[in-house]
């Protein structure tokens, strides 16, 4: 029995986690377009994506779908306001993947700041390591230091990558990289009921 299965054959389930706190005021409109672009550029008919937006609390804006129209409509009225519960929202998103089979990826659009989360960063990182979801962090106008380091670490520790951009026009190339990354990973299924091997 071949236990290594090409992930290319598995559907992708992607959650786009979009920061719409007040600190995103300058870039939210472009981030919204970018989320839509990911749908149109990357997803195939068998793939699904959902959108979760967050400021003080995470909110499911679109449940898993493969219809870009659902997406466009739900992102229309987003405004940048309120404080940021980044870690809580990452936890919420990872939990939202529970029970889903397939290649699971979380695309996080954020400036990396956290102001009001109840979960600490260390707990979030620990949970992310165990969740089996690959995190791609896309940092928009991120200053150096702590926020940047954390976005890098969340991605590295879950097998993803982090990108930092000032210009949202660069996203197209980044999406290509993320897509080939997602589709070419191997899924190693380990079955232990065979005691002989």
Protein backbone atom coordinates (compact mmCIF):
# COMPACT_ATOMS: atom_id res chain seq x y z
CA UNK A 1 0.00 0.00 0.00
CA UNK A 2 1.47 3.31 -1.02
CA UNK A 3 1.25 5.67 1.92
CA UNK A 4 2.72 8.74 0.27
CA UNK A 5 0.03 10.46 -1.75
CA UNK A 6 0.62 13.48 -3.94
CA UNK A 7 -1.22 16.41 -2.47
CA UNK A 8 -1.76 17.54 -6.07
CA UNK A 9 -4.59 15.02 -6.09
CA UNK A 10 -6.25 16.47 -3.00
CA UNK A 11 -8.58 19.45 -2.95
CA UNK A 12 -7.24 22.59 -1.32
CA UNK A 13 -9.19 24.15 1.52
CA UNK A 14 -7.97 27.69 2.09
CA UNK A 15 -9.09 30.14 4.74
CA UNK A 16 -8.30 33.75 4.02
CA UNK A 17 -7.93 35.51 7.36
CA UNK A 18 -8.25 39.23 6.73
CA UNK A 19 -7.35 41.85 9.31
CA UNK A 20 -9.83 44.72 9.19
CA UNK A 21 -8.76 46.48 12.38
CA UNK A 22 -8.16 50.24 12.45
CA UNK A 23 -4.42 49.84 11.84
CA UNK A 24 -5.22 48.41 8.39
CA UNK A 25 -7.01 51.61 7.29
CA UNK A 26 -4.52 52.46 4.56
CA UNK A 27 -4.39 49.02 2.94
CA UNK A 28 -7.75 47.34 3.56
CA UNK A 29 -9.25 48.15 0.18
CA UNK A 30 -6.27 46.61 -1.57
CA UNK A 31 -6.17 43.62 0.78
CA UNK A 32 -9.82 42.96 -0.05
CA UNK A 33 -9.05 42.97 -3.77
CA UNK A 34 -6.11 40.70 -3.09
CA UNK A 35 -8.29 38.15 -1.32
CA UNK A 36 -10.64 38.07 -4.28
CA UNK A 37 -7.73 37.75 -6.66
CA UNK A 38 -6.48 34.68 -4.79
CA UNK A 39 -9.85 33.03 -5.40
CA UNK A 40 -9.89 33.81 -9.09
CA UNK A 41 -6.25 33.07 -9.78
CA UNK A 42 -5.58 30.00 -7.66
CA UNK A 43 -8.65 27.93 -6.93
CA UNK A 44 -9.81 25.11 -9.15
CA UNK A 45 -13.41 23.84 -9.15
CA UNK A 46 -12.77 21.15 -6.53
CA UNK A 47 -11.00 23.57 -4.17
CA UNK A 48 -12.79 25.59 -1.53
CA UNK A 49 -12.01 28.82 0.26
CA UNK A 50 -13.56 30.66 3.16
CA UNK A 51 -13.00 34.18 4.45
CA UNK A 52 -12.74 35.13 8.09
CA UNK A 53 -12.37 38.82 8.91
CA UNK A 54 -11.27 40.11 12.28
CA UNK A 55 -10.73 43.11 14.44
CA UNK A 56 -11.71 42.64 18.09
CA UNK A 57 -13.35 39.31 17.18
CA UNK A 58 -13.12 36.94 14.25
CA UNK A 59 -16.17 36.65 12.06
CA UNK A 60 -16.89 34.14 9.29
CA UNK A 61 -17.62 36.34 6.29
CA UNK A 62 -17.88 33.46 3.79
CA UNK A 63 -18.15 29.76 4.56
CA UNK A 64 -16.19 27.33 2.37
CA UNK A 65 -17.25 27.95 -1.22
CA UNK A 66 -15.85 27.84 -4.72
CA UNK A 67 -17.96 30.70 -6.03
CA UNK A 68 -16.06 33.99 -6.31
CA UNK A 69 -19.40 35.87 -6.34
CA UNK A 70 -20.08 34.82 -2.73
CA UNK A 71 -16.72 36.18 -1.86
CA UNK A 72 -16.95 39.50 -3.63
CA UNK A 73 -20.32 40.27 -2.07
CA UNK A 74 -19.23 39.53 1.47
CA UNK A 75 -16.07 41.63 1.27
CA UNK A 76 -17.83 44.63 -0.22
CA UNK A 77 -18.72 46.58 2.89
CA UNK A 78 -15.61 45.94 5.01
CA UNK A 79 -14.29 48.94 6.89
CA UNK A 80 -11.10 49.19 8.94
CA UNK A 81 -12.04 49.80 12.56
CA UNK A 82 -11.48 48.56 16.07
CA UNK A 83 -8.60 46.87 17.84
CA UNK A 84 -6.83 43.70 16.74
CA UNK A 85 -7.27 40.24 18.20
CA UNK A 86 -4.80 38.55 15.86
CA UNK A 87 -3.91 35.49 17.95
CA UNK A 88 -7.51 34.74 18.92
CA UNK A 89 -8.47 34.95 15.25
CA UNK A 90 -5.70 32.58 14.18
CA UNK A 91 -6.86 30.10 16.83
CA UNK A 92 -10.46 30.47 15.67
CA UNK A 93 -9.44 29.88 12.04
CA UNK A 94 -7.36 26.81 12.82
CA UNK A 95 -10.27 25.41 14.78
CA UNK A 96 -12.60 26.11 11.84
CA UNK A 97 -10.60 23.57 9.82
CA UNK A 98 -11.48 20.75 12.23
CA UNK A 99 -12.65 17.62 10.47
CA UNK A 100 -11.76 18.83 6.98
CA UNK A 101 -9.82 16.39 4.82
CA UNK A 102 -7.55 17.76 2.16
CA UNK A 103 -4.71 20.19 1.83
CA UNK A 104 -5.41 22.91 4.40
CA UNK A 105 -3.91 26.37 4.18
CA UNK A 106 -4.44 29.60 6.08
CA UNK A 107 -3.60 32.84 4.26
CA UNK A 108 -3.19 35.58 6.79
CA UNK A 109 -3.32 39.20 5.62
CA UNK A 110 -2.24 41.42 8.48
CA UNK A 111 0.18 44.05 9.72
CA UNK A 112 1.05 41.60 12.52
CA UNK A 113 -0.05 43.74 15.45
CA UNK A 114 -2.07 42.22 18.26
CA UNK A 115 -3.81 44.34 20.88
CA UNK A 116 -6.62 42.50 22.62
CA UNK A 117 -6.24 38.72 22.25
CA UNK A 118 -6.94 36.49 25.21
CA UNK A 119 -4.65 33.83 23.80
CA UNK A 120 -0.94 34.52 24.15
CA UNK A 121 1.35 34.28 21.14
CA UNK A 122 3.14 31.22 22.58
CA UNK A 123 -0.15 29.30 22.93
CA UNK A 124 -1.16 30.25 19.40
CA UNK A 125 2.14 29.07 17.97
CA UNK A 126 1.92 25.80 19.88
CA UNK A 127 -1.60 25.12 18.63
CA UNK A 128 -0.61 26.06 15.07
CA UNK A 129 2.25 23.54 15.17
CA UNK A 130 -0.19 20.75 16.00
CA UNK A 131 -3.12 21.77 13.80
CA UNK A 132 -1.80 20.43 10.51
CA UNK A 133 -2.69 23.64 8.68
CA UNK A 134 -0.03 25.41 6.61
CA UNK A 135 0.10 29.14 7.36
CA UNK A 136 1.12 31.66 4.69
CA UNK A 137 1.50 35.07 6.26
CA UNK A 138 1.27 38.07 3.99
CA UNK A 139 2.45 41.10 5.89
CA UNK A 140 1.15 44.45 4.67
CA UNK A 141 3.16 47.49 5.74
CA UNK A 142 4.72 45.55 8.61
CA UNK A 143 7.36 47.34 10.62
CA UNK A 144 10.38 45.30 11.70
CA UNK A 145 10.70 43.76 15.14
CA UNK A 146 8.17 41.65 17.03
CA UNK A 147 5.17 41.62 14.67
CA UNK A 148 7.35 40.73 11.70
CA UNK A 149 9.24 38.01 13.59
CA UNK A 150 5.97 36.39 14.70
CA UNK A 151 4.48 36.33 11.21
CA UNK A 152 7.67 34.65 9.96
CA UNK A 153 7.67 32.13 12.80
CA UNK A 154 4.00 31.15 12.39
CA UNK A 155 4.64 30.40 8.72
CA UNK A 156 7.96 28.61 9.20
CA UNK A 157 6.71 26.41 12.01
CA UNK A 158 3.73 25.18 9.97
CA UNK A 159 5.56 24.53 6.70
CA UNK A 160 4.38 27.74 5.05
CA UNK A 161 6.13 30.93 4.00
CA UNK A 162 5.89 34.59 4.85
CA UNK A 163 5.90 37.52 2.45
CA UNK A 164 6.17 41.20 3.29
CA UNK A 165 4.96 43.68 0.76
CA UNK A 166 4.42 47.40 0.49
CA UNK A 167 2.86 47.08 -2.95
CA UNK A 168 -0.16 44.85 -3.36
CA UNK A 169 0.58 44.61 -7.09
CA UNK A 170 3.29 42.08 -6.19
CA UNK A 171 0.72 39.59 -4.93
CA UNK A 172 0.12 37.90 -8.24
CA UNK A 173 3.61 36.42 -8.23
CA UNK A 174 3.29 35.47 -4.58
CA UNK A 175 0.02 33.61 -5.24
CA UNK A 176 1.74 31.60 -7.94
CA UNK A 177 4.41 30.58 -5.44
CA UNK A 178 1.84 29.71 -2.79
CA UNK A 179 -0.21 27.68 -5.22
CA UNK A 180 2.68 25.60 -6.51
CA UNK A 181 3.75 25.12 -2.91
CA UNK A 182 0.29 23.92 -1.86
CA UNK A 183 -0.17 21.61 -4.82
CA UNK A 184 3.21 19.95 -4.74
CA UNK A 185 3.54 18.97 -1.10
CA UNK A 186 3.41 15.31 -0.21
CA UNK A 187 0.93 14.01 2.24
CA UNK A 188 2.39 11.18 4.26
CA UNK A 189 -0.37 9.12 5.79
CA UNK A 190 0.92 6.90 8.56
CA UNK A 191 -1.16 3.87 9.40
CA UNK A 192 -0.13 2.00 12.50
CA UNK A 193 -2.67 -0.83 12.55
CA UNK A 194 -0.18 -3.07 10.75
CA UNK A 195 2.00 -4.34 13.57
CA UNK A 196 4.47 -6.18 11.35
CA UNK A 197 6.09 -3.21 9.67
